[in-house]
Amino acid sequence: MKKIIRQLSNMKLPGCITAGTITGSIILLFAFTPQQQTKEWDAPDMAKSKRNPIAANDASIAAGKAIYTINCYNCHGKKGKGDGPKSADLPVSPRDFTKEQFQKQSDGSMFWKITEGRKPMPSFKKDLTDDQRWQVINYVRTLGIKK
């Protein structure tokens, strides 16, 4: 420790300024860099096996689209690509529902994620009924269909 203090006291002023500038720049860089969620968001096994009790028919898909437009559009966008009007303001990019990786998950996994949420996505446990969440899933499934 004494050796470091001695080296610092012997350092010329321009060297101290350079070292301080570099250190400060690194700190600022990390302070203002958006946090990325690196951990995969995986539903518990019990949730993954849960089956959608709502038939994916025209009525449930239309109801799901209406609910999606009110609750999901701002972040996930009109076509579910994660490009909604508020997506740029989020610290992480919303998921792209059209991607195969997203569509491969079970309805139960989606239901659990919509129910529980994970920042910045809110939980919809209190805002949407179970049936409404299943209807949204039926609609979101249509976004992955290639036309």
Protein backbone atom coordinates (compact mmCIF):
# COMPACT_ATOMS: atom_id res chain seq x y z
CA MET A 1 0.00 0.00 0.00
CA LYS A 2 2.84 2.37 0.90
CA LYS A 3 4.46 1.58 -2.44
CA ILE A 4 1.29 2.56 -4.34
CA ILE A 5 0.96 5.81 -2.37
CA ARG A 6 4.62 6.60 -3.06
CA GLN A 7 4.13 5.93 -6.79
CA LEU A 8 1.05 8.14 -6.86
CA SER A 9 2.83 10.96 -5.03
CA ASN A 10 5.73 10.74 -7.51
CA MET A 11 3.36 10.77 -10.49
CA LYS A 12 3.37 13.91 -12.53
CA LEU A 13 0.15 15.89 -12.74
CA PRO A 14 -0.60 15.08 -16.42
CA GLY A 15 -0.29 11.35 -15.62
CA CYS A 16 -2.79 11.68 -12.77
CA ILE A 17 -5.19 13.59 -14.97
CA THR A 18 -4.94 10.97 -17.71
CA ALA A 19 -5.46 8.08 -15.28
CA GLY A 20 -8.41 9.88 -13.67
CA THR A 21 -9.96 10.69 -17.04
CA ILE A 22 -9.71 7.08 -18.20
CA THR A 23 -11.12 5.73 -14.93
CA GLY A 24 -13.96 8.26 -14.94
CA SER A 25 -14.79 7.49 -18.57
CA ILE A 26 -15.02 3.77 -17.86
CA ILE A 27 -17.28 4.36 -14.87
CA LEU A 28 -19.58 6.61 -16.91
CA LEU A 29 -19.66 4.12 -19.76
CA PHE A 30 -20.94 1.36 -17.51
CA ALA A 31 -23.30 3.65 -15.60
CA PHE A 32 -25.21 4.62 -18.74
CA THR A 33 -25.09 1.35 -20.66
CA PRO A 34 -28.52 -0.35 -20.71
CA GLN A 35 -28.68 -3.54 -18.70
CA GLN A 36 -29.18 -6.63 -20.82
CA GLN A 37 -31.01 -9.61 -19.44
CA THR A 38 -28.56 -12.37 -20.17
CA LYS A 39 -30.38 -15.08 -18.24
CA GLU A 40 -32.93 -16.93 -20.33
CA TRP A 41 -36.49 -16.56 -19.08
CA ASP A 42 -37.59 -20.11 -18.50
CA ALA A 43 -40.93 -21.13 -17.02
CA PRO A 44 -41.03 -23.83 -14.32
CA ASP A 45 -41.68 -27.36 -15.60
CA MET A 46 -45.09 -27.43 -13.94
CA ALA A 47 -46.12 -24.32 -15.90
CA LYS A 48 -44.71 -25.62 -19.19
CA SER A 49 -47.08 -28.58 -19.18
CA LYS A 50 -50.20 -26.49 -18.56
CA ARG A 51 -52.59 -26.71 -21.52
CA ASN A 52 -54.61 -23.89 -23.05
CA PRO A 53 -58.29 -24.54 -22.25
CA ILE A 54 -59.49 -21.90 -24.77
CA ALA A 55 -59.93 -23.15 -28.34
CA ALA A 56 -57.91 -21.19 -30.90
CA ASN A 57 -60.90 -20.20 -33.02
CA ASP A 58 -61.78 -16.92 -34.75
CA ALA A 59 -63.62 -15.57 -31.69
CA SER A 60 -60.82 -16.23 -29.18
CA ILE A 61 -58.16 -14.93 -31.58
CA ALA A 62 -60.15 -11.72 -32.17
CA ALA A 63 -60.63 -11.28 -28.41
CA GLY A 64 -56.89 -11.92 -27.87
CA LYS A 65 -56.00 -9.33 -30.51
CA ALA A 66 -58.17 -6.70 -28.79
CA ILE A 67 -56.52 -7.43 -25.42
CA TYR A 68 -53.06 -7.46 -27.06
CA THR A 69 -53.69 -4.06 -28.65
CA ILE A 70 -54.49 -2.53 -25.26
CA ASN A 71 -51.87 -4.29 -23.13
CA CYS A 72 -49.01 -5.47 -25.35
CA TYR A 73 -48.86 -3.29 -28.48
CA ASN A 74 -46.88 -0.40 -26.94
CA CYS A 75 -43.86 -2.61 -26.31
CA HIS A 76 -44.24 -5.59 -28.64
CA GLY A 77 -45.61 -3.68 -31.64
CA LYS A 78 -48.45 -4.23 -34.10
CA LYS A 79 -46.98 -7.41 -35.58
CA GLY A 80 -45.27 -8.66 -32.42
CA LYS A 81 -41.73 -7.91 -33.55
CA GLY A 82 -40.75 -6.11 -30.33
CA ASP A 83 -40.82 -2.73 -32.07
CA GLY A 84 -43.71 -0.97 -30.35
CA PRO A 85 -43.70 2.80 -29.80
CA LYS A 86 -42.37 2.43 -26.22
CA SER A 87 -39.81 -0.31 -26.98
CA ALA A 88 -36.94 2.15 -27.49
CA ASP A 89 -37.45 3.48 -23.95
CA LEU A 90 -36.99 0.07 -22.35
CA PRO A 91 -33.68 -1.15 -20.89
CA VAL A 92 -34.07 -4.44 -22.82
CA SER A 93 -35.67 -5.21 -26.15
CA PRO A 94 -39.09 -6.86 -26.00
CA ARG A 95 -39.27 -10.37 -27.45
CA ASP A 96 -40.07 -10.84 -31.12
CA PHE A 97 -43.15 -13.08 -31.17
CA THR A 98 -42.66 -13.95 -34.84
CA LYS A 99 -39.38 -15.79 -34.23
CA GLU A 100 -39.33 -19.58 -34.21
CA GLN A 101 -37.47 -19.61 -30.88
CA PHE A 102 -40.35 -17.76 -29.22
CA GLN A 103 -43.08 -19.78 -30.92
CA LYS A 104 -41.46 -23.09 -29.88
CA GLN A 105 -42.34 -22.56 -26.24
CA SER A 106 -45.48 -24.13 -24.83
CA ASP A 107 -48.72 -22.26 -24.22
CA GLY A 108 -48.19 -22.99 -20.52
CA SER A 109 -44.81 -21.22 -20.60
CA MET A 110 -46.35 -18.16 -22.23
CA PHE A 111 -49.23 -18.17 -19.76
CA TRP A 112 -46.82 -18.27 -16.81
CA LYS A 113 -44.71 -15.42 -18.24
CA ILE A 114 -47.76 -13.22 -18.89
CA THR A 115 -49.05 -14.01 -15.40
CA GLU A 116 -45.79 -13.46 -13.50
CA GLY A 117 -44.00 -10.85 -15.61
CA ARG A 118 -40.31 -9.96 -15.41
CA LYS A 119 -38.97 -6.42 -15.50
CA PRO A 120 -39.57 -4.47 -17.58
CA MET A 121 -42.63 -6.57 -18.50
CA PRO A 122 -45.35 -6.25 -15.85
CA SER A 123 -47.35 -9.09 -14.36
CA PHE A 124 -50.88 -9.36 -15.75
CA LYS A 125 -52.09 -11.59 -12.91
CA LYS A 126 -54.43 -8.88 -11.60
CA ASP A 127 -55.18 -7.03 -14.85
CA LEU A 128 -56.31 -9.92 -17.05
CA THR A 129 -58.43 -12.96 -16.27
CA ASP A 130 -57.06 -16.42 -16.98
CA ASP A 131 -59.29 -16.64 -20.08
CA GLN A 132 -58.02 -13.29 -21.36
CA ARG A 133 -54.40 -14.41 -20.98
CA TRP A 134 -55.15 -17.63 -22.90
CA GLN A 135 -56.87 -15.58 -25.62
CA VAL A 136 -53.79 -13.38 -25.96
CA ILE A 137 -51.70 -16.53 -26.39
CA ASN A 138 -54.07 -17.74 -29.14
CA TYR A 139 -53.57 -14.40 -30.91
CA VAL A 140 -49.78 -14.33 -30.39
CA ARG A 141 -49.58 -17.79 -31.98
CA THR A 142 -50.97 -16.28 -35.21
CA LEU A 143 -48.06 -13.81 -35.36
CA GLY A 144 -45.63 -16.66 -35.96
CA ILE A 145 -47.56 -18.07 -38.91
CA LYS A 146 -45.82 -17.48 -42.21
CA LYS A 147 -48.18 -16.10 -44.82
